[in-house]
Amino acid sequence: MDRGVYHYGDYDVKQIGNIHALYQEAELLFANCGITLTDAVNIFLRQSINAGGIPFPIIRGSRYLGNQE
């Protein structure tokens, strides 16, 4: 694997942007809330199950969806 190139499952950096920076930003955010990224993912999964779907609206143009408009 090339240094600085990240692969996650079937996706690589070219397909989903710089996921390493996204993870670092999320880890800092959740650390400031007193939880780990793993805790946050578990909370998201439980809330998704409780809501029967994604527990918040998805907004077009989000920088995390990769479709800058």
C-alpha atoms as a PDB file:
ATOM      1  CA  MET A   1       0.000   0.000   0.000  1.00  0.00           C
ATOM      2  CA  ASP A   2       1.340   3.435  -0.897  1.00  0.00           C
ATOM      3  CA  ARG A   3       2.112   5.785   1.963  1.00  0.00           C
ATOM      4  CA  GLY A   4      -0.802   8.213   2.423  1.00  0.00           C
ATOM      5  CA  VAL A   5      -3.253   6.183   0.331  1.00  0.00           C
ATOM      6  CA  TYR A   6      -6.091   4.627   2.289  1.00  0.00           C
ATOM      7  CA  HIS A   7      -8.336   1.766   1.187  1.00  0.00           C
ATOM      8  CA  TYR A   8     -11.564   0.844   2.937  1.00  0.00           C
ATOM      9  CA  GLY A   9     -13.400  -2.159   1.539  1.00  0.00           C
ATOM     10  CA  ASP A  10     -14.146  -1.549  -2.129  1.00  0.00           C
ATOM     11  CA  TYR A  11     -13.458   2.193  -1.857  1.00  0.00           C
ATOM     12  CA  ASP A  12     -10.259   4.145  -2.130  1.00  0.00           C
ATOM     13  CA  VAL A  13      -9.367   7.774  -1.532  1.00  0.00           C
ATOM     14  CA  LYS A  14     -10.248   8.745  -5.125  1.00  0.00           C
ATOM     15  CA  GLN A  15     -13.823   7.531  -4.635  1.00  0.00           C
ATOM     16  CA  ILE A  16     -14.643   8.959  -1.203  1.00  0.00           C
ATOM     17  CA  GLY A  17     -12.191  11.778  -0.643  1.00  0.00           C
ATOM     18  CA  ASN A  18      -9.662  11.982   2.136  1.00  0.00           C
ATOM     19  CA  ILE A  19     -11.276   9.673   4.676  1.00  0.00           C
ATOM     20  CA  HIS A  20      -8.238   9.862   6.963  1.00  0.00           C
ATOM     21  CA  ALA A  21      -8.817  13.604   7.510  1.00  0.00           C
ATOM     22  CA  LEU A  22     -12.526  12.921   8.035  1.00  0.00           C
ATOM     23  CA  TYR A  23     -11.727  10.312  10.697  1.00  0.00           C
ATOM     24  CA  GLN A  24      -9.294  12.669  12.443  1.00  0.00           C
ATOM     25  CA  GLU A  25     -11.892  15.467  12.478  1.00  0.00           C
ATOM     26  CA  ALA A  26     -14.565  13.110  13.813  1.00  0.00           C
ATOM     27  CA  GLU A  27     -12.244  11.669  16.478  1.00  0.00           C
ATOM     28  CA  LEU A  28     -11.479  15.180  17.751  1.00  0.00           C
ATOM     29  CA  LEU A  29     -15.166  16.145  17.754  1.00  0.00           C
ATOM     30  CA  PHE A  30     -16.211  13.056  19.702  1.00  0.00           C
ATOM     31  CA  ALA A  31     -13.242  13.277  22.082  1.00  0.00           C
ATOM     32  CA  ASN A  32     -14.499  16.760  22.979  1.00  0.00           C
ATOM     33  CA  CYS A  33     -17.852  15.102  23.775  1.00  0.00           C
ATOM     34  CA  GLY A  34     -16.131  12.524  25.992  1.00  0.00           C
ATOM     35  CA  ILE A  35     -16.655   9.523  23.690  1.00  0.00           C
ATOM     36  CA  THR A  36     -14.586   7.611  21.156  1.00  0.00           C
ATOM     37  CA  LEU A  37     -15.279   7.282  17.437  1.00  0.00           C
ATOM     38  CA  THR A  38     -16.258   3.663  18.127  1.00  0.00           C
ATOM     39  CA  ASP A  39     -18.756   4.834  20.768  1.00  0.00           C
ATOM     40  CA  ALA A  40     -20.189   7.354  18.292  1.00  0.00           C
ATOM     41  CA  VAL A  41     -20.592   4.705  15.581  1.00  0.00           C
ATOM     42  CA  ASN A  42     -22.327   2.390  18.047  1.00  0.00           C
ATOM     43  CA  ILE A  43     -24.677   5.207  19.077  1.00  0.00           C
ATOM     44  CA  PHE A  44     -25.420   5.925  15.413  1.00  0.00           C
ATOM     45  CA  LEU A  45     -26.158   2.264  14.694  1.00  0.00           C
ATOM     46  CA  ARG A  46     -28.470   1.921  17.704  1.00  0.00           C
ATOM     47  CA  GLN A  47     -30.299   5.144  16.834  1.00  0.00           C
ATOM     48  CA  SER A  48     -30.656   3.979  13.214  1.00  0.00           C
ATOM     49  CA  ILE A  49     -32.249   0.740  14.398  1.00  0.00           C
ATOM     50  CA  ASN A  50     -34.555   2.661  16.769  1.00  0.00           C
ATOM     51  CA  ALA A  51     -35.551   5.096  13.998  1.00  0.00           C
ATOM     52  CA  GLY A  52     -35.911   2.409  11.327  1.00  0.00           C
ATOM     53  CA  GLY A  53     -33.482   4.326   9.086  1.00  0.00           C
ATOM     54  CA  ILE A  54     -30.954   7.113   9.189  1.00  0.00           C
ATOM     55  CA  PRO A  55     -31.815   9.099  12.336  1.00  0.00           C
ATOM     56  CA  PHE A  56     -31.369  12.544  10.757  1.00  0.00           C
ATOM     57  CA  PRO A  57     -32.108  14.200   7.406  1.00  0.00           C
ATOM     58  CA  ILE A  58     -29.521  13.868   4.631  1.00  0.00           C
ATOM     59  CA  ILE A  59     -28.878  17.261   3.054  1.00  0.00           C
ATOM     60  CA  ARG A  60     -27.811  17.543  -0.591  1.00  0.00           C
ATOM     61  CA  GLY A  61     -24.520  19.303  -1.101  1.00  0.00           C
ATOM     62  CA  SER A  62     -22.999  18.063   2.139  1.00  0.00           C
ATOM     63  CA  ARG A  63     -19.209  18.022   1.909  1.00  0.00           C
ATOM     64  CA  TYR A  64     -19.303  14.536   3.415  1.00  0.00           C
ATOM     65  CA  LEU A  65     -21.506  13.202   0.640  1.00  0.00           C
ATOM     66  CA  GLY A  66     -18.928  14.327  -1.886  1.00  0.00           C
ATOM     67  CA  ASN A  67     -21.367  16.225  -4.092  1.00  0.00           C
ATOM     68  CA  GLN A  68     -20.410  19.885  -3.806  1.00  0.00           C
ATOM     69  CA  GLU A  69     -23.155  21.938  -5.412  1.00  0.00           C
END
